[in-house]
Amino acid sequence: MTLSFYGIPNCDTVKKARVWLDTQGIAYAFHDYKKEGADPVRLARWVAEAGWEKVLNRAGTTFRKLPEADRADLDEGKAVALMVANPSCIKRPVVEHPGGLLVGFKEPEWRAALG
């Protein structure tokens, strides 16, 4: 099984998740948002599956530095547009696996889904 792993290489949570996958012997293909951008169709699919509130990283520096008008009155469409324009606003990591989608790194959740 090879997973599709989306994130930013210097993110501490991404680093922890990659170490966990490596120690479990789970292969993955890494997609770097900084270099490769964020696909709007894929983001819309993630939002449909997990909800925009879970996929959008509102706690991060990038989101907090956005103009108030961009952060106000969020809905699904506006959240997807923000994440496409600012991939650092996507919660990290996101992993597509045969059983579904993982957003963020919580080891017990990952172990249940991938172990």
PDB file of N, CA and C in Angstrom:
ATOM      1  N   MET A   1       0.851  -1.180   0.000  1.00  0.00           N
ATOM      2  CA  MET A   1       0.000   0.000   0.000  1.00  0.00           C
ATOM      3  C   MET A   1       0.893   1.239   0.000  1.00  0.00           C
ATOM      4  N   THR A   2       0.674   2.132  -0.959  1.00  0.00           N
ATOM      5  CA  THR A   2       1.370   3.413  -0.988  1.00  0.00           C
ATOM      6  C   THR A   2       0.340   4.509  -0.760  1.00  0.00           C
ATOM      7  N   LEU A   3       0.616   5.370   0.199  1.00  0.00           N
ATOM      8  CA  LEU A   3      -0.283   6.472   0.528  1.00  0.00           C
ATOM      9  C   LEU A   3       0.113   7.723  -0.235  1.00  0.00           C
ATOM     10  N   SER A   4      -0.839   8.624  -0.382  1.00  0.00           N
ATOM     11  CA  SER A   4      -0.542   9.965  -0.895  1.00  0.00           C
ATOM     12  C   SER A   4      -0.513  10.884   0.320  1.00  0.00           C
ATOM     13  N   PHE A   5       0.622  11.513   0.554  1.00  0.00           N
ATOM     14  CA  PHE A   5       0.891  12.311   1.747  1.00  0.00           C
ATOM     15  C   PHE A   5       1.103  13.758   1.309  1.00  0.00           C
ATOM     16  N   TYR A   6       0.300  14.679   1.852  1.00  0.00           N
ATOM     17  CA  TYR A   6       0.334  16.087   1.449  1.00  0.00           C
ATOM     18  C   TYR A   6       0.755  16.940   2.636  1.00  0.00           C
ATOM     19  N   GLY A   7       1.702  17.857   2.394  1.00  0.00           N
ATOM     20  CA  GLY A   7       2.151  18.723   3.469  1.00  0.00           C
ATOM     21  C   GLY A   7       3.279  19.627   3.045  1.00  0.00           C
ATOM     22  N   ILE A   8       3.959  20.151   4.042  1.00  0.00           N
ATOM     23  CA  ILE A   8       5.093  21.049   3.854  1.00  0.00           C
ATOM     24  C   ILE A   8       6.265  20.434   4.625  1.00  0.00           C
ATOM     25  N   PRO A   9       7.409  20.217   3.967  1.00  0.00           N
ATOM     26  CA  PRO A   9       8.492  19.450   4.593  1.00  0.00           C
ATOM     27  C   PRO A   9       9.004  20.003   5.921  1.00  0.00           C
ATOM     28  N   ASN A  10       8.992  21.317   6.117  1.00  0.00           N
ATOM     29  CA  ASN A  10       9.566  21.868   7.348  1.00  0.00           C
ATOM     30  C   ASN A  10       8.555  21.972   8.497  1.00  0.00           C
ATOM     31  N   CYS A  11       7.326  21.517   8.283  1.00  0.00           N
ATOM     32  CA  CYS A  11       6.301  21.527   9.335  1.00  0.00           C
ATOM     33  C   CYS A  11       6.613  20.433  10.358  1.00  0.00           C
ATOM     34  N   ASP A  12       6.633  20.783  11.636  1.00  0.00           N
ATOM     35  CA  ASP A  12       6.966  19.815  12.683  1.00  0.00           C
ATOM     36  C   ASP A  12       5.995  18.634  12.710  1.00  0.00           C
ATOM     37  N   THR A  13       4.713  18.889  12.505  1.00  0.00           N
ATOM     38  CA  THR A  13       3.731  17.813  12.522  1.00  0.00           C
ATOM     39  C   THR A  13       3.935  16.882  11.333  1.00  0.00           C
ATOM     40  N   VAL A  14       4.262  17.445  10.184  1.00  0.00           N
ATOM     41  CA  VAL A  14       4.559  16.633   9.001  1.00  0.00           C
ATOM     42  C   VAL A  14       5.786  15.767   9.273  1.00  0.00           C
ATOM     43  N   LYS A  15       6.799  16.346   9.892  1.00  0.00           N
ATOM     44  CA  LYS A  15       8.007  15.580  10.217  1.00  0.00           C
ATOM     45  C   LYS A  15       7.678  14.403  11.130  1.00  0.00           C
ATOM     46  N   LYS A  16       6.866  14.639  12.169  1.00  0.00           N
ATOM     47  CA  LYS A  16       6.481  13.575  13.097  1.00  0.00           C
ATOM     48  C   LYS A  16       5.715  12.477  12.364  1.00  0.00           C
ATOM     49  N   ALA A  17       4.792  12.887  11.501  1.00  0.00           N
ATOM     50  CA  ALA A  17       3.985  11.910  10.764  1.00  0.00           C
ATOM     51  C   ALA A  17       4.848  11.078   9.820  1.00  0.00           C
ATOM     52  N   ARG A  18       5.803  11.719   9.163  1.00  0.00           N
ATOM     53  CA  ARG A  18       6.688  10.988   8.245  1.00  0.00           C
ATOM     54  C   ARG A  18       7.556   9.986   9.011  1.00  0.00           C
ATOM     55  N   VAL A  19       8.067  10.380  10.167  1.00  0.00           N
ATOM     56  CA  VAL A  19       8.854   9.463  10.989  1.00  0.00           C
ATOM     57  C   VAL A  19       7.979   8.275  11.392  1.00  0.00           C
ATOM     58  N   TRP A  20       6.733   8.544  11.797  1.00  0.00           N
ATOM     59  CA  TRP A  20       5.845   7.460  12.198  1.00  0.00           C
ATOM     60  C   TRP A  20       5.616   6.492  11.033  1.00  0.00           C
ATOM     61  N   LEU A  21       5.329   7.028   9.849  1.00  0.00           N
ATOM     62  CA  LEU A  21       5.122   6.162   8.675  1.00  0.00           C
ATOM     63  C   LEU A  21       6.375   5.348   8.380  1.00  0.00           C
ATOM     64  N   ASP A  22       7.529   5.996   8.446  1.00  0.00           N
ATOM     65  CA  ASP A  22       8.790   5.297   8.168  1.00  0.00           C
ATOM     66  C   ASP A  22       9.015   4.159   9.170  1.00  0.00           C
ATOM     67  N   THR A  23       8.755   4.405  10.458  1.00  0.00           N
ATOM     68  CA  THR A  23       8.978   3.365  11.466  1.00  0.00           C
ATOM     69  C   THR A  23       7.970   2.227  11.325  1.00  0.00           C
ATOM     70  N   GLN A  24       6.820   2.515  10.742  1.00  0.00           N
ATOM     71  CA  GLN A  24       5.810   1.477  10.507  1.00  0.00           C
ATOM     72  C   GLN A  24       6.060   0.729   9.194  1.00  0.00           C
ATOM     73  N   GLY A  25       7.011   1.228   8.396  1.00  0.00           N
ATOM     74  CA  GLY A  25       7.299   0.606   7.109  1.00  0.00           C
ATOM     75  C   GLY A  25       6.215   0.849   6.070  1.00  0.00           C
ATOM     76  N   ILE A  26       5.515   1.966   6.191  1.00  0.00           N
ATOM     77  CA  ILE A  26       4.428   2.298   5.263  1.00  0.00           C
ATOM     78  C   ILE A  26       4.959   3.255   4.199  1.00  0.00           C
ATOM     79  N   ALA A  27       4.839   2.846   2.943  1.00  0.00           N
ATOM     80  CA  ALA A  27       5.321   3.668   1.829  1.00  0.00           C
ATOM     81  C   ALA A  27       4.334   4.797   1.545  1.00  0.00           C
ATOM     82  N   TYR A  28       4.883   5.932   1.110  1.00  0.00           N
ATOM     83  CA  TYR A  28       4.028   7.066   0.762  1.00  0.00           C
ATOM     84  C   TYR A  28       4.700   7.914  -0.312  1.00  0.00           C
ATOM     85  N   ALA A  29       3.865   8.578  -1.081  1.00  0.00           N
ATOM     86  CA  ALA A  29       4.333   9.569  -2.059  1.00  0.00           C
ATOM     87  C   ALA A  29       4.053  10.934  -1.451  1.00  0.00           C
ATOM     88  N   PHE A  30       5.094  11.770  -1.358  1.00  0.00           N
ATOM     89  CA  PHE A  30       4.964  13.079  -0.702  1.00  0.00           C
ATOM     90  C   PHE A  30       4.676  14.176  -1.718  1.00  0.00           C
ATOM     91  N   HIS A  31       3.656  14.982  -1.435  1.00  0.00           N
ATOM     92  CA  HIS A  31       3.297  16.137  -2.259  1.00  0.00           C
ATOM     93  C   HIS A  31       3.578  17.388  -1.428  1.00  0.00           C
ATOM     94  N   ASP A  32       4.507  18.206  -1.874  1.00  0.00           N
ATOM     95  CA  ASP A  32       4.917  19.427  -1.182  1.00  0.00           C
ATOM     96  C   ASP A  32       4.085  20.605  -1.696  1.00  0.00           C
ATOM     97  N   TYR A  33       3.203  21.131  -0.828  1.00  0.00           N
ATOM     98  CA  TYR A  33       2.363  22.274  -1.221  1.00  0.00           C
ATOM     99  C   TYR A  33       3.181  23.483  -1.663  1.00  0.00           C
ATOM    100  N   LYS A  34       4.311  23.702  -1.008  1.00  0.00           N
ATOM    101  CA  LYS A  34       5.124  24.882  -1.329  1.00  0.00           C
ATOM    102  C   LYS A  34       5.635  24.836  -2.764  1.00  0.00           C
ATOM    103  N   LYS A  35       5.982  23.642  -3.234  1.00  0.00           N
ATOM    104  CA  LYS A  35       6.529  23.507  -4.580  1.00  0.00           C
ATOM    105  C   LYS A  35       5.467  23.155  -5.618  1.00  0.00           C
ATOM    106  N   GLU A  36       4.483  22.361  -5.215  1.00  0.00           N
ATOM    107  CA  GLU A  36       3.532  21.820  -6.178  1.00  0.00           C
ATOM    108  C   GLU A  36       2.139  22.437  -6.109  1.00  0.00           C
ATOM    109  N   GLY A  37       1.883  23.284  -5.116  1.00  0.00           N
ATOM    110  CA  GLY A  37       0.578  23.920  -5.005  1.00  0.00           C
ATOM    111  C   GLY A  37      -0.491  22.969  -4.502  1.00  0.00           C
ATOM    112  N   ALA A  38      -1.718  23.468  -4.481  1.00  0.00           N
ATOM    113  CA  ALA A  38      -2.863  22.692  -4.001  1.00  0.00           C
ATOM    114  C   ALA A  38      -3.903  22.618  -5.112  1.00  0.00           C
ATOM    115  N   ASP A  39      -4.326  21.421  -5.424  1.00  0.00           N
ATOM    116  CA  ASP A  39      -5.304  21.186  -6.483  1.00  0.00           C
ATOM    117  C   ASP A  39      -6.714  21.498  -5.973  1.00  0.00           C
ATOM    118  N   PRO A  40      -7.438  22.438  -6.615  1.00  0.00           N
ATOM    119  CA  PRO A  40      -8.767  22.812  -6.124  1.00  0.00           C
ATOM    120  C   PRO A  40      -9.773  21.656  -6.147  1.00  0.00           C
ATOM    121  N   VAL A  41      -9.670  20.775  -7.126  1.00  0.00           N
ATOM    122  CA  VAL A  41     -10.599  19.636  -7.198  1.00  0.00           C
ATOM    123  C   VAL A  41     -10.350  18.680  -6.027  1.00  0.00           C
ATOM    124  N   ARG A  42      -9.093  18.400  -5.759  1.00  0.00           N
ATOM    125  CA  ARG A  42      -8.740  17.526  -4.633  1.00  0.00           C
ATOM    126  C   ARG A  42      -9.165  18.171  -3.317  1.00  0.00           C
ATOM    127  N   LEU A  43      -8.899  19.458  -3.147  1.00  0.00           N
ATOM    128  CA  LEU A  43      -9.305  20.157  -1.920  1.00  0.00           C
ATOM    129  C   LEU A  43     -10.811  20.089  -1.724  1.00  0.00           C
ATOM    130  N   ALA A  44     -11.563  20.294  -2.791  1.00  0.00           N
ATOM    131  CA  ALA A  44     -13.026  20.225  -2.702  1.00  0.00           C
ATOM    132  C   ALA A  44     -13.470  18.826  -2.269  1.00  0.00           C
ATOM    133  N   ARG A  45     -12.779  17.789  -2.755  1.00  0.00           N
ATOM    134  CA  ARG A  45     -13.100  16.418  -2.366  1.00  0.00           C
ATOM    135  C   ARG A  45     -12.801  16.195  -0.876  1.00  0.00           C
ATOM    136  N   TRP A  46     -11.646  16.712  -0.409  1.00  0.00           N
ATOM    137  CA  TRP A  46     -11.307  16.581   1.009  1.00  0.00           C
ATOM    138  C   TRP A  46     -12.350  17.276   1.876  1.00  0.00           C
ATOM    139  N   VAL A  47     -12.737  18.466   1.462  1.00  0.00           N
ATOM    140  CA  VAL A  47     -13.719  19.240   2.224  1.00  0.00           C
ATOM    141  C   VAL A  47     -15.055  18.503   2.249  1.00  0.00           C
ATOM    142  N   ALA A  48     -15.440  17.902   1.124  1.00  0.00           N
ATOM    143  CA  ALA A  48     -16.687  17.137   1.081  1.00  0.00           C
ATOM    144  C   ALA A  48     -16.625  15.942   2.035  1.00  0.00           C
ATOM    145  N   GLU A  49     -15.448  15.331   2.152  1.00  0.00           N
ATOM    146  CA  GLU A  49     -15.299  14.153   3.003  1.00  0.00           C
ATOM    147  C   GLU A  49     -15.113  14.500   4.475  1.00  0.00           C
ATOM    148  N   ALA A  50     -14.273  15.487   4.774  1.00  0.00           N
ATOM    149  CA  ALA A  50     -13.905  15.772   6.168  1.00  0.00           C
ATOM    150  C   ALA A  50     -14.524  17.055   6.721  1.00  0.00           C
ATOM    151  N   GLY A  51     -15.034  17.925   5.851  1.00  0.00           N
ATOM    152  CA  GLY A  51     -15.560  19.216   6.294  1.00  0.00           C
ATOM    153  C   GLY A  51     -14.499  20.300   6.217  1.00  0.00           C
ATOM    154  N   TRP A  52     -14.868  21.478   5.741  1.00  0.00           N
ATOM    155  CA  TRP A  52     -13.885  22.552   5.576  1.00  0.00           C
ATOM    156  C   TRP A  52     -13.310  22.990   6.921  1.00  0.00           C
ATOM    157  N   GLU A  53     -14.122  22.857   7.989  1.00  0.00           N
ATOM    158  CA  GLU A  53     -13.658  23.272   9.306  1.00  0.00           C
ATOM    159  C   GLU A  53     -12.465  22.437   9.769  1.00  0.00           C
ATOM    160  N   LYS A  54     -12.394  21.176   9.343  1.00  0.00           N
ATOM    161  CA  LYS A  54     -11.279  20.308   9.733  1.00  0.00           C
ATOM    162  C   LYS A  54     -10.078  20.507   8.808  1.00  0.00           C
ATOM    163  N   VAL A  55     -10.320  20.753   7.526  1.00  0.00           N
ATOM    164  CA  VAL A  55      -9.235  20.859   6.544  1.00  0.00           C
ATOM    165  C   VAL A  55      -8.540  22.219   6.617  1.00  0.00           C
ATOM    166  N   LEU A  56      -9.271  23.262   6.935  1.00  0.00           N
ATOM    167  CA  LEU A  56      -8.693  24.612   7.020  1.00  0.00           C
ATOM    168  C   LEU A  56      -7.985  24.794   8.359  1.00  0.00           C
ATOM    169  N   ASN A  57      -6.714  25.175   8.311  1.00  0.00           N
ATOM    170  CA  ASN A  57      -5.909  25.398   9.512  1.00  0.00           C
ATOM    171  C   ASN A  57      -6.036  26.859   9.945  1.00  0.00           C
ATOM    172  N   ARG A  58      -7.008  27.119  10.805  1.00  0.00           N
ATOM    173  CA  ARG A  58      -7.231  28.493  11.266  1.00  0.00           C
ATOM    174  C   ARG A  58      -6.289  28.898  12.389  1.00  0.00           C
ATOM    175  N   ALA A  59      -5.549  27.944  12.947  1.00  0.00           N
ATOM    176  CA  ALA A  59      -4.632  28.252  14.045  1.00  0.00           C
ATOM    177  C   ALA A  59      -3.256  28.674  13.550  1.00  0.00           C
ATOM    178  N   GLY A  60      -2.976  28.458  12.278  1.00  0.00           N
ATOM    179  CA  GLY A  60      -1.645  28.730  11.752  1.00  0.00           C
ATOM    180  C   GLY A  60      -1.371  30.201  11.488  1.00  0.00           C
ATOM    181  N   THR A  61      -0.098  30.516  11.404  1.00  0.00           N
ATOM    182  CA  THR A  61       0.353  31.887  11.165  1.00  0.00           C
ATOM    183  C   THR A  61      -0.176  32.447   9.851  1.00  0.00           C
ATOM    184  N   THR A  62      -0.145  31.640   8.800  1.00  0.00           N
ATOM    185  CA  THR A  62      -0.585  32.121   7.482  1.00  0.00           C
ATOM    186  C   THR A  62      -2.027  32.592   7.544  1.00  0.00           C
ATOM    187  N   PHE A  63      -2.902  31.800   8.148  1.00  0.00           N
ATOM    188  CA  PHE A  63      -4.319  32.180   8.246  1.00  0.00           C
ATOM    189  C   PHE A  63      -4.474  33.439   9.091  1.00  0.00           C
ATOM    190  N   ARG A  64      -3.791  33.486  10.218  1.00  0.00           N
ATOM    191  CA  ARG A  64      -3.936  34.640  11.120  1.00  0.00           C
ATOM    192  C   ARG A  64      -3.422  35.938  10.505  1.00  0.00           C
ATOM    193  N   LYS A  65      -2.498  35.836   9.539  1.00  0.00           N
ATOM    194  CA  LYS A  65      -1.958  37.033   8.888  1.00  0.00           C
ATOM    195  C   LYS A  65      -2.817  37.509   7.712  1.00  0.00           C
ATOM    196  N   LEU A  66      -3.810  36.717   7.325  1.00  0.00           N
ATOM    197  CA  LEU A  66      -4.686  37.126   6.222  1.00  0.00           C
ATOM    198  C   LEU A  66      -5.510  38.341   6.639  1.00  0.00           C
ATOM    199  N   PRO A  67      -5.908  39.168   5.668  1.00  0.00           N
ATOM    200  CA  PRO A  67      -6.776  40.300   5.998  1.00  0.00           C
ATOM    201  C   PRO A  67      -8.076  39.815   6.649  1.00  0.00           C
ATOM    202  N   GLU A  68      -8.608  40.617   7.526  1.00  0.00           N
ATOM    203  CA  GLU A  68      -9.849  40.266   8.235  1.00  0.00           C
ATOM    204  C   GLU A  68     -10.968  39.899   7.258  1.00  0.00           C
ATOM    205  N   ALA A  69     -11.047  40.590   6.135  1.00  0.00           N
ATOM    206  CA  ALA A  69     -12.100  40.305   5.152  1.00  0.00           C
ATOM    207  C   ALA A  69     -11.996  38.883   4.613  1.00  0.00           C
ATOM    208  N   ASP A  70     -10.772  38.371   4.478  1.00  0.00           N
ATOM    209  CA  ASP A  70     -10.576  36.999   3.997  1.00  0.00           C
ATOM    210  C   ASP A  70     -10.963  35.970   5.057  1.00  0.00           C
ATOM    211  N   ARG A  71     -10.798  36.334   6.327  1.00  0.00           N
ATOM    212  CA  ARG A  71     -11.073  35.398   7.417  1.00  0.00           C
ATOM    213  C   ARG A  71     -12.524  35.430   7.879  1.00  0.00           C
ATOM    214  N   ALA A  72     -13.251  36.476   7.489  1.00  0.00           N
ATOM    215  CA  ALA A  72     -14.632  36.644   7.945  1.00  0.00           C
ATOM    216  C   ALA A  72     -15.605  35.884   7.045  1.00  0.00           C
ATOM    217  N   ASP A  73     -16.741  35.528   7.616  1.00  0.00           N
ATOM    218  CA  ASP A  73     -17.847  34.916   6.873  1.00  0.00           C
ATOM    219  C   ASP A  73     -17.402  33.712   6.049  1.00  0.00           C
ATOM    220  N   LEU A  74     -16.637  32.836   6.656  1.00  0.00           N
ATOM    221  CA  LEU A  74     -16.154  31.653   5.945  1.00  0.00           C
ATOM    222  C   LEU A  74     -17.293  30.674   5.685  1.00  0.00           C
ATOM    223  N   ASP A  75     -17.238  30.086   4.514  1.00  0.00           N
ATOM    224  CA  ASP A  75     -18.098  28.974   4.159  1.00  0.00           C
ATOM    225  C   ASP A  75     -17.249  28.011   3.341  1.00  0.00           C
ATOM    226  N   GLU A  76     -17.836  26.948   2.862  1.00  0.00           N
ATOM    227  CA  GLU A  76     -17.068  25.932   2.152  1.00  0.00           C
ATOM    228  C   GLU A  76     -16.344  26.492   0.930  1.00  0.00           C
ATOM    229  N   GLY A  77     -17.036  27.241   0.097  1.00  0.00           N
ATOM    230  CA  GLY A  77     -16.433  27.789  -1.116  1.00  0.00           C
ATOM    231  C   GLY A  77     -15.298  28.758  -0.823  1.00  0.00           C
ATOM    232  N   LYS A  78     -15.515  29.635   0.142  1.00  0.00           N
ATOM    233  CA  LYS A  78     -14.483  30.611   0.498  1.00  0.00           C
ATOM    234  C   LYS A  78     -13.272  29.925   1.129  1.00  0.00           C
ATOM    235  N   ALA A  79     -13.530  28.893   1.942  1.00  0.00           N
ATOM    236  CA  ALA A  79     -12.430  28.157   2.581  1.00  0.00           C
ATOM    237  C   ALA A  79     -11.573  27.451   1.530  1.00  0.00           C
ATOM    238  N   VAL A  80     -12.207  26.804   0.553  1.00  0.00           N
ATOM    239  CA  VAL A  80     -11.446  26.118  -0.506  1.00  0.00           C
ATOM    240  C   VAL A  80     -10.628  27.133  -1.291  1.00  0.00           C
ATOM    241  N   ALA A  81     -11.221  28.266  -1.635  1.00  0.00           N
ATOM    242  CA  ALA A  81     -10.497  29.305  -2.385  1.00  0.00           C
ATOM    243  C   ALA A  81      -9.294  29.818  -1.588  1.00  0.00           C
ATOM    244  N   LEU A  82      -9.468  30.021  -0.286  1.00  0.00           N
ATOM    245  CA  LEU A  82      -8.353  30.467   0.569  1.00  0.00           C
ATOM    246  C   LEU A  82      -7.228  29.437   0.585  1.00  0.00           C
ATOM    247  N   MET A  83      -7.580  28.149   0.672  1.00  0.00           N
ATOM    248  CA  MET A  83      -6.560  27.105   0.733  1.00  0.00           C
ATOM    249  C   MET A  83      -5.841  26.938  -0.600  1.00  0.00           C
ATOM    250  N   VAL A  84      -6.539  27.141  -1.703  1.00  0.00           N
ATOM    251  CA  VAL A  84      -5.895  27.070  -3.016  1.00  0.00           C
ATOM    252  C   VAL A  84      -4.896  28.224  -3.148  1.00  0.00           C
ATOM    253  N   ALA A  85      -5.312  29.420  -2.737  1.00  0.00           N
ATOM    254  CA  ALA A  85      -4.453  30.601  -2.846  1.00  0.00           C
ATOM    255  C   ALA A  85      -3.324  30.585  -1.810  1.00  0.00           C
ATOM    256  N   ASN A  86      -3.561  29.956  -0.670  1.00  0.00           N
ATOM    257  CA  ASN A  86      -2.598  29.921   0.437  1.00  0.00           C
ATOM    258  C   ASN A  86      -2.484  28.486   0.955  1.00  0.00           C
ATOM    259  N   PRO A  87      -1.740  27.621   0.270  1.00  0.00           N
ATOM    260  CA  PRO A  87      -1.675  26.213   0.686  1.00  0.00           C
ATOM    261  C   PRO A  87      -1.204  26.000   2.125  1.00  0.00           C
ATOM    262  N   SER A  88      -0.513  26.973   2.702  1.00  0.00           N
ATOM    263  CA  SER A  88      -0.102  26.841   4.098  1.00  0.00           C
ATOM    264  C   SER A  88      -1.303  26.892   5.043  1.00  0.00           C
ATOM    265  N   CYS A  89      -2.469  27.241   4.528  1.00  0.00           N
ATOM    266  CA  CYS A  89      -3.688  27.266   5.339  1.00  0.00           C
ATOM    267  C   CYS A  89      -4.365  25.897   5.403  1.00  0.00           C
ATOM    268  N   ILE A  90      -3.790  24.909   4.738  1.00  0.00           N
ATOM    269  CA  ILE A  90      -4.352  23.564   4.787  1.00  0.00           C
ATOM    270  C   ILE A  90      -3.769  22.857   6.009  1.00  0.00           C
ATOM    271  N   LYS A  91      -4.637  22.249   6.808  1.00  0.00           N
ATOM    272  CA  LYS A  91      -4.171  21.481   7.969  1.00  0.00           C
ATOM    273  C   LYS A  91      -3.201  20.415   7.481  1.00  0.00           C
ATOM    274  N   ARG A  92      -2.158  20.201   8.242  1.00  0.00           N
ATOM    275  CA  ARG A  92      -1.123  19.256   7.815  1.00  0.00           C
ATOM    276  C   ARG A  92      -0.909  18.180   8.863  1.00  0.00           C
ATOM    277  N   PRO A  93      -0.545  17.029   8.353  1.00  0.00           N
ATOM    278  CA  PRO A  93      -0.593  16.570   6.968  1.00  0.00           C
ATOM    279  C   PRO A  93      -1.990  16.089   6.595  1.00  0.00           C
ATOM    280  N   VAL A  94      -2.186  15.869   5.304  1.00  0.00           N
ATOM    281  CA  VAL A  94      -3.379  15.189   4.809  1.00  0.00           C
ATOM    282  C   VAL A  94      -2.887  13.927   4.107  1.00  0.00           C
ATOM    283  N   VAL A  95      -3.500  12.812   4.427  1.00  0.00           N
ATOM    284  CA  VAL A  95      -3.109  11.536   3.837  1.00  0.00           C
ATOM    285  C   VAL A  95      -4.332  10.874   3.220  1.00  0.00           C
ATOM    286  N   GLU A  96      -4.212  10.570   1.930  1.00  0.00           N
ATOM    287  CA  GLU A  96      -5.225   9.767   1.249  1.00  0.00           C
ATOM    288  C   GLU A  96      -4.757   8.320   1.318  1.00  0.00           C
ATOM    289  N   HIS A  97      -5.624   7.447   1.817  1.00  0.00           N
ATOM    290  CA  HIS A  97      -5.287   6.026   1.903  1.00  0.00           C
ATOM    291  C   HIS A  97      -6.487   5.229   1.409  1.00  0.00           C
ATOM    292  N   PRO A  98      -6.300   3.952   1.131  1.00  0.00           N
ATOM    293  CA  PRO A  98      -7.390   3.162   0.561  1.00  0.00           C
ATOM    294  C   PRO A  98      -8.684   3.189   1.381  1.00  0.00           C
ATOM    295  N   GLY A  99      -8.593   3.393   2.696  1.00  0.00           N
ATOM    296  CA  GLY A  99      -9.790   3.421   3.539  1.00  0.00           C
ATOM    297  C   GLY A  99     -10.381   4.795   3.746  1.00  0.00           C
ATOM    298  N   GLY A 100      -9.757   5.838   3.202  1.00  0.00           N
ATOM    299  CA  GLY A 100     -10.305   7.174   3.411  1.00  0.00           C
ATOM    300  C   GLY A 100      -9.257   8.260   3.485  1.00  0.00           C
ATOM    301  N   LEU A 101      -9.468   9.185   4.430  1.00  0.00           N
ATOM    302  CA  LEU A 101      -8.675  10.407   4.524  1.00  0.00           C
ATOM    303  C   LEU A 101      -8.291  10.656   5.976  1.00  0.00           C
ATOM    304  N   LEU A 102      -7.033  11.023   6.196  1.00  0.00           N
ATOM    305  CA  LEU A 102      -6.572  11.447   7.513  1.00  0.00           C
ATOM    306  C   LEU A 102      -6.158  12.912   7.413  1.00  0.00           C
ATOM    307  N   VAL A 103      -6.638  13.735   8.340  1.00  0.00           N
ATOM    308  CA  VAL A 103      -6.298  15.156   8.355  1.00  0.00           C
ATOM    309  C   VAL A 103      -5.669  15.466   9.707  1.00  0.00           C
ATOM    310  N   GLY A 104      -4.423  15.938   9.669  1.00  0.00           N
ATOM    311  CA  GLY A 104      -3.679  16.156  10.901  1.00  0.00           C
ATOM    312  C   GLY A 104      -3.050  14.847  11.342  1.00  0.00           C
ATOM    313  N   PHE A 105      -2.165  14.920  12.333  1.00  0.00           N
ATOM    314  CA  PHE A 105      -1.503  13.702  12.809  1.00  0.00           C
ATOM    315  C   PHE A 105      -1.873  13.430  14.253  1.00  0.00           C
ATOM    316  N   LYS A 106      -2.657  12.382  14.454  1.00  0.00           N
ATOM    317  CA  LYS A 106      -2.966  11.864  15.780  1.00  0.00           C
ATOM    318  C   LYS A 106      -2.642  10.377  15.713  1.00  0.00           C
ATOM    319  N   GLU A 107      -1.581   9.976  16.408  1.00  0.00           N
ATOM    320  CA  GLU A 107      -1.075   8.614  16.264  1.00  0.00           C
ATOM    321  C   GLU A 107      -2.139   7.533  16.465  1.00  0.00           C
ATOM    322  N   PRO A 108      -3.000   7.607  17.490  1.00  0.00           N
ATOM    323  CA  PRO A 108      -4.001   6.541  17.632  1.00  0.00           C
ATOM    324  C   PRO A 108      -4.940   6.427  16.413  1.00  0.00           C
ATOM    325  N   GLU A 109      -5.314   7.572  15.871  1.00  0.00           N
ATOM    326  CA  GLU A 109      -6.174   7.588  14.680  1.00  0.00           C
ATOM    327  C   GLU A 109      -5.445   6.973  13.485  1.00  0.00           C
ATOM    328  N   TRP A 110      -4.182   7.328  13.311  1.00  0.00           N
ATOM    329  CA  TRP A 110      -3.384   6.790  12.207  1.00  0.00           C
ATOM    330  C   TRP A 110      -3.172   5.280  12.384  1.00  0.00           C
ATOM    331  N   ARG A 111      -2.903   4.861  13.621  1.00  0.00           N
ATOM    332  CA  ARG A 111      -2.677   3.435  13.875  1.00  0.00           C
ATOM    333  C   ARG A 111      -3.937   2.653  13.534  1.00  0.00           C
ATOM    334  N   ALA A 112      -5.097   3.171  13.924  1.00  0.00           N
ATOM    335  CA  ALA A 112      -6.372   2.484  13.638  1.00  0.00           C
ATOM    336  C   ALA A 112      -6.633   2.408  12.142  1.00  0.00           C
ATOM    337  N   ALA A 113      -6.297   3.483  11.418  1.00  0.00           N
ATOM    338  CA  ALA A 113      -6.581   3.531   9.981  1.00  0.00           C
ATOM    339  C   ALA A 113      -5.548   2.785   9.145  1.00  0.00           C
ATOM    340  N   LEU A 114      -4.283   2.835   9.581  1.00  0.00           N
ATOM    341  CA  LEU A 114      -3.197   2.316   8.743  1.00  0.00           C
ATOM    342  C   LEU A 114      -2.486   1.102   9.321  1.00  0.00           C
ATOM    343  N   GLY A 115      -2.654   0.866  10.614  1.00  0.00           N
ATOM    344  CA  GLY A 115      -1.905  -0.192  11.264  1.00  0.00           C
ATOM    345  C   GLY A 115      -2.481  -1.544  10.981  1.00  0.00           C
TER     346      GLY A 115
END
